Amino acid sequence: MATVALRSTAGKWVMVSAILASAMAFIDSTALNVVLPSLQKSLQATGADLFWILNAYLLMLASLILIGGSLGDKLGRKKVFMAGIFIFITGSAACGLSPGVTLLIVFRIIQGIGGALMIPGSLSLISSSINEQERGKAIGTWSAFTTVVTMGGPILGGALGDAGLWRYIFFINVPIGIAALLMLWLKVKESRDESSDHSLDFPGAIAIALGLAMVTFGFLRIPAVGLANWQVYTTLSAGVLMLIAFVIIEAKSKHPMMPLHLFANATFSGANLLSFFLYAGLCAGMLFLSLNLVQVQGYSQLQSGLTFLPFTIMMISLARFAGTLADKYGPRLLLIIGPAAAGTGLLILSFIKQTDGPSDYWTTFFPAVIVFGLGMSFTVAPLTTAVMGSVSDHFSGTASGVNNAVTRIANVFANAIFGALAVLFFTGALQHKLADVRLKAPDKQEILAQAADLGNAKVPANIQSSDKAVIEKYYHESFIAAYANIMRISAALGFLGALMAVIFIKNSAVKKE
C-alpha cells in the first residue's frame, strides 16, 4: 500500500489509533499491580491466585504475540489489529464483572488473546503506513506517548484501588478501545504484506503455549504441595520438554514464528538475554515493592502508585537522550551501566525494613527508586537500538516481535518462580519465629497456612487475643524477610543483564542510521 506522511491527516489517524490501543494494554498491566491488594481482599484471593491472575494474561500474550504479528501480515494489519482490540475490550469488560477468582483468570486469558493480536499490530501498522523517512520519528512519538500513559497507570490504579473501584481498571479499557476501533474503521486504510506467503506456525505456537503453561503451573503448585510432589516435577518436566520441542519445531519450520538463525548474531542473542534477565528482575521487583508498600508499610494504594512517579519522570526526560547517545556512540556502554544501575536500585530497596509509612519515603524508598529509574532510563532505548540494529531491515519486525515475546516470557517466569519463592521464604521466616512461641502444634499449622496470602496473611480467629499482636508482627517481619530475598535476587538478575552486555553486545554489530 502507499505510505503517508506523518503530519498528514491519514498519518495522524494511524498514530492516534495505534497510541490509544497500545496505551490501553500498557495501562492495564501497570495499574493492575497497584490494585492487587484491593483485588485480593475483595475476592478473598490467595497469593497463588494473584500470580495466576497476572500470568493467565501474560501466558497467552507471550505464547501468541509472534503469531499475532504473522496474522496481521497475511490477513491484513488493520483487520487483525481491530480484532485484537475487540477481543481485548470484551475480555476487559468480563474481567470487570467477574464475581470470583476463577472466572477472572478465565477472562484474563481472553484479554491475553486480544493483546497478542493487538500489541504487535500497533507498531506494524505504523511501520507499514508511515513513509520511510518519518518512520523513526513516528515510532519515537508512539513510544513517548505510550510511556507517559503507561507510567500513569500506577497512579490511576492507586486512586481507583483506594476508592474500592479496582474493577474500573478493566472497565476503562472499553471506551478507549471503542474510540480506537471507530478511528481504524472510518479513517485508516488496510495494509498487508503481499510480497510472500506467510504461513502460520501453529505447531510452534501450541508448543510454546503448553510449555509455558506447564512450567508456570509447576512453580505455582510448589507452595501448596512441596517441591517433591508428583504434580510439580511432572508438570515442570513436561513443560521443559515442550519448550525444547518448540526450539526443534522452529529449527525445522519453513515459516518459524521465532527464526533461530537470528540468534547466530551475538549482539541479537545478548540483547535478548539481557531483556530476559532485566525484565524478570523488573517484574518481580515492582510487584513485591507494591505489595510491601500497601500491605506492610502502611501506604495507601494511591501513595504506592505515586512512589513510581520519579521513575516516570526520568523515563520521559532521559529515554530520548539515552537513545541519542546510543545512536552516536553505540549502545554497549549504556547497556552495561543501565542494567547495573537498575540492579543497584533493587539491591538498595532490599535493605529497607519496617518504616513509619509515607512520612519516611524520602529517606527510604525515594533514593532507591531514583537509582533504579536512572538505570532503566538509560537502558530501554539503547536496548531497542541493539535489537533492531543487529538484524537486516527485512527482519526488523520479527526481531521486535521476538524481543517483545522474550520480555513477556520473562514476566511469566518471574511471576511463577518468584511467587513460589516468596511463599517459601515467608513460611521459612515464620517457622523460625514461631519456634519460640508457646502455641499448640495445630495452632502453629493454622498460622503457617496463612503464608500463602503473603502480606495479606490474617491471624486465625481461634488464636488468643493476647497472642494476636505478636503473630501479626511476625507476619509483617516474615513478609519483609521474603521481600528482601526477592529484591536481592531481582538485583542479581539486573547485574546478570549487565554481564550479558559485557559478553555479547558489540557496537560494530549495530547498524547506524
Protein backbone atom coordinates (compact mmCIF):
# COMPACT_ATOMS: atom_id res chain seq x y z
CA MET A 1 0.00 0.00 0.00
CA ALA A 2 1.06 3.61 -0.47
CA THR A 3 2.57 5.16 2.64
CA VAL A 4 1.53 8.53 4.07
CA ALA A 5 3.30 11.46 5.71
CA LEU A 6 3.32 11.58 9.49
CA ARG A 7 1.78 15.06 9.58
CA SER A 8 -0.93 14.25 7.04
CA THR A 9 -4.50 13.67 8.22
CA ALA A 10 -4.24 9.96 7.40
CA GLY A 11 -0.92 9.71 9.24
CA LYS A 12 -2.36 11.37 12.34
CA TRP A 13 -5.32 8.94 12.42
CA VAL A 14 -2.93 5.99 12.20
CA MET A 15 -0.84 7.38 15.07
CA VAL A 16 -3.77 8.25 17.36
CA SER A 17 -5.49 4.88 16.92
CA ALA A 18 -2.23 2.97 17.46
CA ILE A 19 -1.34 5.00 20.56
CA LEU A 20 -4.81 4.60 22.08
CA ALA A 21 -4.86 0.83 21.67
CA SER A 22 -1.29 0.36 22.93
CA ALA A 23 -1.83 2.66 25.90
CA MET A 24 -4.93 0.67 26.84
CA ALA A 25 -2.91 -2.55 27.12
CA PHE A 26 0.03 -0.94 28.92
CA ILE A 27 -2.16 0.92 31.46
CA ASP A 28 -3.91 -2.36 32.23
CA SER A 29 -0.65 -4.12 33.08
CA THR A 30 0.96 -1.37 35.19
CA ALA A 31 -2.20 -0.35 37.07
CA LEU A 32 -3.14 -3.93 37.93
CA ASN A 33 -0.02 -4.43 40.08
CA VAL A 34 -1.04 -1.50 42.28
CA VAL A 35 -4.66 -2.63 42.81
CA LEU A 36 -3.72 -6.25 43.61
CA PRO A 37 -4.05 -5.71 47.40
CA SER A 38 -7.57 -4.31 46.91
CA LEU A 39 -8.46 -7.09 44.47
CA GLN A 40 -7.08 -9.73 46.86
CA LYS A 41 -9.28 -8.50 49.70
CA SER A 42 -12.37 -8.14 47.56
CA LEU A 43 -12.19 -11.62 46.00
CA GLN A 44 -10.59 -13.39 49.00
CA ALA A 45 -7.71 -14.41 46.73
CA THR A 46 -4.62 -16.27 47.91
CA GLY A 47 -1.08 -15.30 46.91
CA ALA A 48 -1.08 -18.07 44.28
CA ASP A 49 -4.39 -16.73 42.91
CA LEU A 50 -2.78 -13.31 42.40
CA PHE A 51 0.07 -14.79 40.36
CA TRP A 52 -2.40 -16.74 38.22
CA ILE A 53 -4.43 -13.57 37.61
CA LEU A 54 -1.22 -11.94 36.32
CA ASN A 55 0.07 -14.98 34.47
CA ALA A 56 -3.15 -16.01 32.70
CA TYR A 57 -2.86 -12.82 30.62
CA LEU A 58 0.92 -12.96 30.20
CA LEU A 59 0.87 -16.63 29.19
CA MET A 60 -1.43 -16.04 26.24
CA LEU A 61 0.39 -12.85 25.29
CA ALA A 62 3.84 -14.48 25.35
CA SER A 63 2.61 -17.57 23.52
CA LEU A 64 0.69 -15.88 20.72
CA ILE A 65 2.29 -12.46 20.21
CA LEU A 66 4.58 -13.64 17.39
CA ILE A 67 1.80 -15.46 15.58
CA GLY A 68 -0.39 -12.37 16.07
CA GLY A 69 2.12 -10.35 14.04
CA SER A 70 2.18 -13.00 11.30
CA LEU A 71 -1.61 -13.00 11.09
CA GLY A 72 -1.55 -9.25 10.51
CA ASP A 73 0.96 -9.58 7.68
CA LYS A 74 -1.10 -12.27 5.94
CA LEU A 75 -4.74 -11.31 6.61
CA GLY A 76 -4.40 -7.53 6.91
CA ARG A 77 -2.83 -5.49 9.70
CA LYS A 78 -5.82 -3.23 10.28
CA LYS A 79 -8.24 -6.18 10.32
CA VAL A 80 -6.22 -8.22 12.83
CA PHE A 81 -5.46 -5.11 14.92
CA MET A 82 -9.19 -4.35 15.16
CA ALA A 83 -9.99 -7.99 16.01
CA GLY A 84 -7.40 -7.84 18.80
CA ILE A 85 -8.87 -4.62 20.21
CA PHE A 86 -12.39 -6.08 20.14
CA ILE A 87 -11.33 -9.30 21.91
CA PHE A 88 -9.29 -7.30 24.45
CA ILE A 89 -12.11 -4.94 25.43
CA THR A 90 -14.60 -7.84 25.55
CA GLY A 91 -12.25 -9.67 27.92
CA SER A 92 -11.73 -6.46 29.91
CA ALA A 93 -15.46 -5.93 30.42
CA ALA A 94 -15.84 -9.56 31.52
CA CYS A 95 -12.90 -9.17 33.95
CA GLY A 96 -14.56 -6.14 35.49
CA LEU A 97 -17.77 -8.12 36.04
CA SER A 98 -16.06 -11.27 37.40
CA PRO A 99 -17.67 -12.48 40.65
CA GLY A 100 -14.69 -14.60 41.69
CA VAL A 101 -11.07 -15.58 41.08
CA THR A 102 -11.68 -18.50 38.70
CA LEU A 103 -13.74 -16.52 36.20
CA LEU A 104 -11.35 -13.58 36.45
CA ILE A 105 -8.48 -15.89 35.44
CA VAL A 106 -10.54 -17.24 32.50
CA PHE A 107 -11.37 -13.73 31.29
CA ARG A 108 -7.73 -12.65 31.68
CA ILE A 109 -6.90 -15.43 29.19
CA ILE A 110 -9.34 -13.81 26.73
CA GLN A 111 -7.63 -10.45 27.34
CA GLY A 112 -4.28 -12.09 26.58
CA ILE A 113 -5.53 -13.46 23.24
CA GLY A 114 -6.72 -9.98 22.31
CA GLY A 115 -3.44 -8.43 23.43
CA ALA A 116 -1.43 -10.88 21.30
CA LEU A 117 -3.28 -9.68 18.20
CA MET A 118 -3.37 -6.03 19.25
CA ILE A 119 0.08 -5.17 20.64
CA PRO A 120 2.22 -6.16 17.60
CA GLY A 121 -0.44 -4.63 15.35
CA SER A 122 0.17 -1.08 16.56
CA LEU A 123 3.85 -0.83 15.56
CA SER A 124 3.27 -2.96 12.47
CA LEU A 125 0.55 -0.58 11.26
CA ILE A 126 2.75 2.46 11.91
CA SER A 127 5.75 0.88 10.12
CA SER A 128 3.70 -0.10 7.07
CA SER A 129 1.62 3.11 6.85
CA ILE A 130 4.07 5.95 7.55
CA ASN A 131 6.65 6.79 4.88
CA GLU A 132 10.17 5.50 5.44
CA GLN A 133 11.79 8.90 6.04
CA GLU A 134 9.50 9.63 9.01
CA ARG A 135 9.13 6.10 10.37
CA GLY A 136 11.71 6.53 13.14
CA LYS A 137 10.07 9.74 14.28
CA ALA A 138 6.65 8.05 14.22
CA ILE A 139 7.87 5.14 16.35
CA GLY A 140 9.55 7.63 18.72
CA THR A 141 6.27 9.54 19.03
CA TRP A 142 4.38 6.30 19.72
CA SER A 143 6.98 5.32 22.33
CA ALA A 144 6.87 8.70 24.08
CA PHE A 145 3.08 8.84 24.34
CA THR A 146 2.69 5.22 25.43
CA THR A 147 5.46 5.65 28.04
CA VAL A 148 3.74 8.69 29.57
CA VAL A 149 0.37 6.96 29.66
CA THR A 150 1.81 3.66 30.86
CA MET A 151 3.65 5.22 33.76
CA GLY A 152 0.46 6.99 34.78
CA GLY A 153 -1.08 3.54 35.24
CA PRO A 154 0.13 3.02 38.84
CA ILE A 155 -1.27 6.40 39.92
CA LEU A 156 -4.63 5.71 38.28
CA GLY A 157 -4.65 2.20 39.75
CA GLY A 158 -3.84 3.53 43.21
CA ALA A 159 -6.65 6.09 43.12
CA LEU A 160 -9.20 3.50 41.94
CA GLY A 161 -7.95 0.88 44.42
CA ASP A 162 -8.27 3.25 47.38
CA ALA A 163 -11.82 4.10 46.29
CA GLY A 164 -12.72 0.39 46.15
CA LEU A 165 -13.11 0.66 42.36
CA TRP A 166 -10.43 -1.80 41.23
CA ARG A 167 -12.86 -3.21 38.62
CA TYR A 168 -12.65 0.09 36.72
CA ILE A 169 -9.04 -0.77 35.79
CA PHE A 170 -10.73 -3.17 33.37
CA PHE A 171 -13.82 -1.09 32.53
CA ILE A 172 -11.73 1.93 31.48
CA ASN A 173 -10.43 -0.09 28.52
CA VAL A 174 -13.87 -0.29 26.92
CA PRO A 175 -14.39 3.38 25.87
CA ILE A 176 -10.72 3.71 24.85
CA GLY A 177 -10.97 0.56 22.72
CA ILE A 178 -14.25 1.63 21.11
CA ALA A 179 -12.72 5.01 20.18
CA ALA A 180 -9.71 3.26 18.60
CA LEU A 181 -11.99 0.86 16.69
CA LEU A 182 -14.06 3.73 15.25
CA MET A 183 -10.94 5.59 14.11
CA LEU A 184 -9.49 2.50 12.45
CA TRP A 185 -12.80 1.57 10.76
CA LEU A 186 -13.53 5.05 9.42
CA LYS A 187 -10.12 6.67 8.88
CA VAL A 188 -7.34 4.09 8.41
CA LYS A 189 -6.68 2.07 5.24
CA GLU A 190 -5.93 -1.66 5.21
CA SER A 191 -2.32 -2.84 4.92
CA ARG A 192 -0.90 -6.32 4.28
CA ASP A 193 2.38 -7.81 3.08
CA GLU A 194 1.83 -9.06 -0.48
CA SER A 195 5.47 -10.00 -1.08
CA SER A 196 5.37 -13.63 0.09
CA ASP A 197 3.26 -16.36 1.62
CA HIS A 198 3.34 -16.02 5.41
CA SER A 199 2.14 -19.43 6.53
CA LEU A 200 1.37 -19.56 10.22
CA ASP A 201 3.46 -21.54 12.69
CA PHE A 202 0.65 -23.23 14.63
CA PRO A 203 2.83 -26.14 15.93
CA GLY A 204 5.30 -23.61 17.37
CA ALA A 205 2.52 -21.56 18.99
CA ILE A 206 0.98 -24.69 20.56
CA ALA A 207 4.35 -25.95 21.83
CA ILE A 208 5.36 -22.69 23.50
CA ALA A 209 1.88 -22.11 24.97
CA LEU A 210 1.79 -25.60 26.52
CA GLY A 211 5.41 -25.37 27.67
CA LEU A 212 4.96 -22.03 29.42
CA ALA A 213 1.63 -23.07 30.94
CA MET A 214 3.05 -26.28 32.43
CA VAL A 215 6.21 -24.62 33.79
CA THR A 216 4.10 -21.85 35.34
CA PHE A 217 1.64 -24.32 36.85
CA GLY A 218 4.50 -26.39 38.28
CA PHE A 219 6.07 -23.43 40.07
CA LEU A 220 2.74 -22.13 41.36
CA ARG A 221 1.98 -25.55 42.91
CA ILE A 222 5.25 -25.65 44.93
CA PRO A 223 3.98 -23.57 47.91
CA ALA A 224 0.86 -25.72 48.25
CA VAL A 225 2.24 -29.26 47.77
CA GLY A 226 6.05 -29.00 48.06
CA LEU A 227 8.86 -29.46 45.56
CA ALA A 228 8.85 -33.29 45.71
CA ASN A 229 5.17 -33.68 44.79
CA TRP A 230 4.39 -35.51 41.51
CA GLN A 231 2.25 -32.58 40.28
CA VAL A 232 5.31 -30.32 40.44
CA TYR A 233 8.01 -32.47 38.91
CA THR A 234 5.80 -33.95 36.18
CA THR A 235 4.45 -30.58 35.01
CA LEU A 236 7.88 -28.90 35.22
CA SER A 237 9.49 -31.76 33.29
CA ALA A 238 6.72 -31.80 30.68
CA GLY A 239 6.94 -28.01 30.36
CA VAL A 240 10.71 -28.09 29.77
CA LEU A 241 10.26 -30.86 27.18
CA MET A 242 7.61 -28.79 25.36
CA LEU A 243 9.93 -25.77 25.30
CA ILE A 244 12.71 -27.96 23.87
CA ALA A 245 10.18 -29.23 21.31
CA PHE A 246 9.41 -25.59 20.44
CA VAL A 247 13.08 -24.97 19.63
CA ILE A 248 13.20 -28.11 17.45
CA ILE A 249 9.98 -27.08 15.65
CA GLU A 250 11.39 -23.61 14.98
CA ALA A 251 14.64 -25.12 13.63
CA LYS A 252 12.74 -27.27 11.11
CA SER A 253 9.82 -24.97 10.24
CA LYS A 254 9.73 -23.23 6.85
CA HIS A 255 7.84 -20.33 8.44
CA PRO A 256 9.05 -20.16 12.08
CA MET A 257 7.48 -17.68 14.49
CA MET A 258 10.97 -17.31 16.05
CA PRO A 259 13.63 -17.71 13.30
CA LEU A 260 16.58 -19.28 15.12
CA HIS A 261 19.15 -18.02 12.61
CA LEU A 262 18.69 -14.52 14.07
CA PHE A 263 20.36 -15.78 17.25
CA ALA A 264 23.55 -16.50 15.30
CA ASN A 265 24.19 -12.78 15.73
CA ALA A 266 25.84 -12.48 19.17
CA THR A 267 24.51 -8.95 19.73
CA PHE A 268 20.93 -10.02 18.99
CA SER A 269 21.26 -13.02 21.33
CA GLY A 270 22.91 -10.91 24.03
CA ALA A 271 20.27 -8.19 23.83
CA ASN A 272 17.51 -10.75 24.24
CA LEU A 273 19.28 -12.45 27.16
CA LEU A 274 19.72 -9.00 28.73
CA SER A 275 16.00 -8.33 28.17
CA PHE A 276 15.03 -11.66 29.76
CA PHE A 277 17.09 -11.21 32.93
CA LEU A 278 16.45 -7.47 33.39
CA TYR A 279 12.68 -7.63 32.81
CA ALA A 280 12.31 -10.69 35.05
CA GLY A 281 14.00 -8.69 37.82
CA LEU A 282 11.96 -5.58 36.99
CA CYS A 283 8.66 -7.50 37.05
CA ALA A 284 9.35 -9.24 40.37
CA GLY A 285 10.82 -6.13 41.98
CA MET A 286 7.93 -3.83 41.08
CA LEU A 287 5.28 -6.37 42.07
CA PHE A 288 6.73 -7.08 45.52
CA LEU A 289 7.51 -3.41 46.13
CA SER A 290 3.83 -2.60 45.50
CA LEU A 291 2.66 -5.37 47.85
CA ASN A 292 5.16 -4.29 50.52
CA LEU A 293 4.17 -0.62 50.40
CA VAL A 294 0.44 -1.31 50.81
CA GLN A 295 0.26 -4.48 52.91
CA VAL A 296 3.15 -3.86 55.31
CA GLN A 297 4.43 -0.28 55.16
CA GLY A 298 1.01 1.38 55.55
CA TYR A 299 0.85 3.23 52.21
CA SER A 300 -2.48 3.74 50.53
CA GLN A 301 -2.72 2.34 47.01
CA LEU A 302 -2.57 5.88 45.59
CA GLN A 303 0.56 6.64 47.62
CA SER A 304 2.04 3.37 46.36
CA GLY A 305 1.32 4.44 42.77
CA LEU A 306 2.88 7.86 43.38
CA THR A 307 6.04 6.15 44.62
CA PHE A 308 6.82 5.36 40.98
CA LEU A 309 6.38 8.99 39.85
CA PRO A 310 10.14 9.81 39.93
CA PHE A 311 10.69 6.70 37.79
CA THR A 312 8.09 8.00 35.33
CA ILE A 313 9.60 11.47 35.15
CA MET A 314 13.09 10.09 34.48
CA MET A 315 11.83 7.71 31.80
CA ILE A 316 10.13 10.60 29.99
CA SER A 317 13.05 13.03 30.45
CA LEU A 318 16.03 10.79 29.78
CA ALA A 319 14.91 7.99 27.44
CA ARG A 320 15.23 10.12 24.28
CA PHE A 321 18.64 11.44 25.40
CA ALA A 322 19.78 7.85 26.01
CA GLY A 323 18.58 6.91 22.52
CA THR A 324 20.59 9.77 21.03
CA LEU A 325 23.71 8.64 22.91
CA ALA A 326 23.19 5.08 21.66
CA ASP A 327 22.88 6.34 18.06
CA LYS A 328 26.05 8.42 18.40
CA TYR A 329 28.35 6.16 20.43
CA GLY A 330 26.71 2.72 20.20
CA PRO A 331 24.56 1.01 22.81
CA ARG A 332 27.16 -1.24 24.51
CA LEU A 333 28.35 1.02 27.37
CA LEU A 334 24.81 2.17 28.17
CA LEU A 335 23.63 -1.46 28.26
CA ILE A 336 26.35 -2.24 30.81
CA ILE A 337 25.80 0.80 33.04
CA GLY A 338 21.97 0.89 32.79
CA PRO A 339 21.12 -2.65 33.97
CA ALA A 340 23.89 -2.46 36.62
CA ALA A 341 22.34 0.75 37.99
CA ALA A 342 18.86 -0.79 37.90
CA GLY A 343 20.22 -3.79 39.82
CA THR A 344 21.83 -1.43 42.36
CA GLY A 345 18.47 0.32 42.88
CA LEU A 346 16.75 -3.03 43.52
CA LEU A 347 19.53 -4.01 45.91
CA ILE A 348 19.09 -0.78 47.91
CA LEU A 349 15.34 -1.46 48.08
CA SER A 350 16.05 -4.89 49.58
CA PHE A 351 17.63 -3.37 52.70
CA ILE A 352 14.58 -1.26 53.64
CA LYS A 353 12.88 -2.77 56.69
CA GLN A 354 9.74 -1.63 58.55
CA THR A 355 9.27 2.15 58.17
CA ASP A 356 6.90 4.72 59.64
CA GLY A 357 4.92 4.84 56.41
CA PRO A 358 4.81 7.56 53.73
CA SER A 359 6.47 10.11 56.04
CA ASP A 360 9.73 8.12 55.69
CA TYR A 361 9.52 7.83 51.90
CA TRP A 362 12.13 10.49 51.08
CA THR A 363 14.85 8.84 53.18
CA THR A 364 13.98 5.20 52.41
CA PHE A 365 12.36 4.29 49.10
CA PHE A 366 12.99 7.54 47.16
CA PRO A 367 16.82 7.26 46.75
CA ALA A 368 16.49 3.62 45.61
CA VAL A 369 13.73 4.47 43.12
CA ILE A 370 15.95 7.26 41.70
CA VAL A 371 18.89 4.87 41.16
CA PHE A 372 16.59 2.21 39.70
CA GLY A 373 14.84 4.76 37.44
CA LEU A 374 18.16 6.11 36.13
CA GLY A 375 19.24 2.58 35.25
CA MET A 376 16.06 1.79 33.34
CA SER A 377 16.01 5.22 31.62
CA PHE A 378 19.45 4.60 30.14
CA THR A 379 18.61 1.03 29.14
CA VAL A 380 15.28 0.98 27.28
CA ALA A 381 16.11 3.00 24.13
CA PRO A 382 19.66 1.57 23.67
CA LEU A 383 18.24 -1.94 24.09
CA THR A 384 15.76 -1.30 21.26
CA THR A 385 18.64 0.09 19.17
CA ALA A 386 20.70 -3.04 19.79
CA VAL A 387 17.85 -5.43 18.95
CA MET A 388 16.64 -3.63 15.82
CA GLY A 389 20.09 -2.65 14.58
CA SER A 390 21.59 -6.14 14.84
CA VAL A 391 19.38 -7.63 12.09
CA SER A 392 18.67 -6.68 8.48
CA ASP A 393 15.71 -4.42 7.75
CA HIS A 394 13.86 -7.42 6.29
CA PHE A 395 13.74 -8.98 9.77
CA SER A 396 13.15 -5.82 11.82
CA GLY A 397 9.50 -6.65 12.56
CA THR A 398 10.36 -10.22 13.51
CA ALA A 399 13.22 -9.02 15.73
CA SER A 400 10.89 -6.61 17.52
CA GLY A 401 8.33 -9.37 17.99
CA VAL A 402 10.93 -11.81 19.34
CA ASN A 403 12.22 -9.25 21.85
CA ASN A 404 8.66 -8.39 22.91
CA ALA A 405 7.89 -12.07 23.41
CA VAL A 406 11.10 -12.56 25.41
CA THR A 407 10.14 -9.78 27.84
CA ARG A 408 6.62 -11.25 28.28
CA ILE A 409 8.05 -14.73 28.88
CA ALA A 410 10.41 -13.18 31.45
CA ASN A 411 7.37 -11.70 33.21
CA VAL A 412 5.60 -15.08 33.22
CA PHE A 413 8.61 -16.87 34.68
CA ALA A 414 9.21 -14.10 37.21
CA ASN A 415 5.62 -14.21 38.48
CA ALA A 416 5.60 -18.02 38.69
CA ILE A 417 9.07 -18.60 40.16
CA PHE A 418 9.21 -15.59 42.47
CA GLY A 419 5.63 -16.21 43.62
CA ALA A 420 6.62 -19.71 44.72
CA LEU A 421 9.89 -18.49 46.27
CA ALA A 422 8.14 -15.69 48.18
CA VAL A 423 5.79 -18.14 49.90
CA LEU A 424 8.70 -20.46 50.74
CA PHE A 425 10.78 -17.57 52.14
CA PHE A 426 7.77 -16.25 54.08
CA THR A 427 7.00 -19.70 55.54
CA GLY A 428 10.64 -20.34 56.48
CA ALA A 429 10.98 -17.00 58.28
CA LEU A 430 7.65 -17.50 60.06
CA GLN A 431 8.55 -21.05 61.19
CA HIS A 432 11.76 -19.71 62.69
CA LYS A 433 9.88 -17.03 64.63
CA LEU A 434 7.16 -19.44 65.84
CA ALA A 435 9.75 -21.87 67.24
CA ASP A 436 9.95 -19.89 70.49
CA VAL A 437 6.20 -19.22 70.81
CA ARG A 438 4.21 -21.39 73.21
CA LEU A 439 1.35 -22.48 71.00
CA LYS A 440 -0.19 -25.86 70.26
CA ALA A 441 1.02 -27.60 67.09
CA PRO A 442 -2.41 -27.32 65.33
CA ASP A 443 -2.48 -23.56 66.06
CA LYS A 444 1.01 -23.15 64.59
CA GLN A 445 -0.10 -25.04 61.47
CA GLU A 446 -3.09 -22.70 61.08
CA ILE A 447 -0.83 -19.68 61.43
CA LEU A 448 1.61 -21.11 58.85
CA ALA A 449 -1.24 -21.90 56.44
CA GLN A 450 -1.82 -18.14 56.08
CA ALA A 451 1.61 -17.77 54.48
CA ALA A 452 0.05 -18.41 51.05
CA ASP A 453 -1.60 -14.97 51.34
CA LEU A 454 1.81 -13.27 51.85
CA GLY A 455 1.34 -9.68 53.09
CA ASN A 456 -2.41 -10.20 53.38
CA ALA A 457 -1.98 -13.02 55.96
CA LYS A 458 -4.55 -12.82 58.78
CA VAL A 459 -4.23 -14.17 62.32
CA PRO A 460 -6.58 -17.20 62.69
CA ALA A 461 -9.72 -16.46 64.72
CA ASN A 462 -9.04 -19.17 67.32
CA ILE A 463 -5.73 -17.62 68.44
CA GLN A 464 -5.94 -15.96 71.86
CA SER A 465 -6.17 -12.18 71.73
CA SER A 466 -3.01 -11.86 73.86
CA ASP A 467 -1.03 -13.60 71.09
CA LYS A 468 -2.63 -11.90 68.10
CA ALA A 469 -0.46 -8.77 68.14
CA VAL A 470 2.70 -10.90 68.30
CA ILE A 471 1.58 -13.13 65.41
CA GLU A 472 0.65 -10.10 63.31
CA LYS A 473 4.10 -8.64 63.98
CA TYR A 474 5.66 -11.94 62.91
CA TYR A 475 3.62 -11.91 59.70
CA HIS A 476 4.94 -8.45 58.83
CA GLU A 477 8.53 -9.33 59.70
CA SER A 478 8.32 -12.58 57.72
CA PHE A 479 6.98 -10.73 54.68
CA ILE A 480 9.82 -8.19 54.95
CA ALA A 481 12.31 -11.10 55.06
CA ALA A 482 10.74 -12.69 51.97
CA TYR A 483 10.60 -9.30 50.21
CA ALA A 484 14.29 -8.67 50.94
CA ASN A 485 15.30 -12.02 49.43
CA ILE A 486 13.15 -11.46 46.32
CA MET A 487 14.59 -7.97 45.78
CA ARG A 488 18.16 -9.28 46.11
CA ILE A 489 17.52 -11.99 43.54
CA SER A 490 15.90 -9.35 41.29
CA ALA A 491 19.00 -7.17 41.73
CA ALA A 492 21.20 -10.13 40.77
CA LEU A 493 19.17 -10.50 37.57
CA GLY A 494 19.85 -6.84 36.77
CA PHE A 495 23.60 -7.41 37.25
CA LEU A 496 23.35 -10.56 35.13
CA GLY A 497 21.75 -8.45 32.38
CA ALA A 498 24.74 -6.07 32.53
CA LEU A 499 27.07 -9.07 32.25
CA MET A 500 25.26 -10.16 29.07
CA ALA A 501 26.07 -6.75 27.58
CA VAL A 502 29.74 -7.11 28.57
CA ILE A 503 29.99 -10.55 26.92
CA PHE A 504 27.77 -10.23 23.84
CA ILE A 505 26.94 -6.64 22.80
CA LYS A 506 29.22 -5.20 20.13
CA ASN A 507 28.77 -1.68 18.78
CA SER A 508 30.18 -2.83 15.44
CA ALA A 509 27.25 -5.26 15.03
CA VAL A 510 24.64 -2.48 15.30
CA LYS A 511 23.65 -0.58 12.15
CA LYS A 512 23.98 3.20 12.27
CA GLU A 513 21.13 5.19 10.78
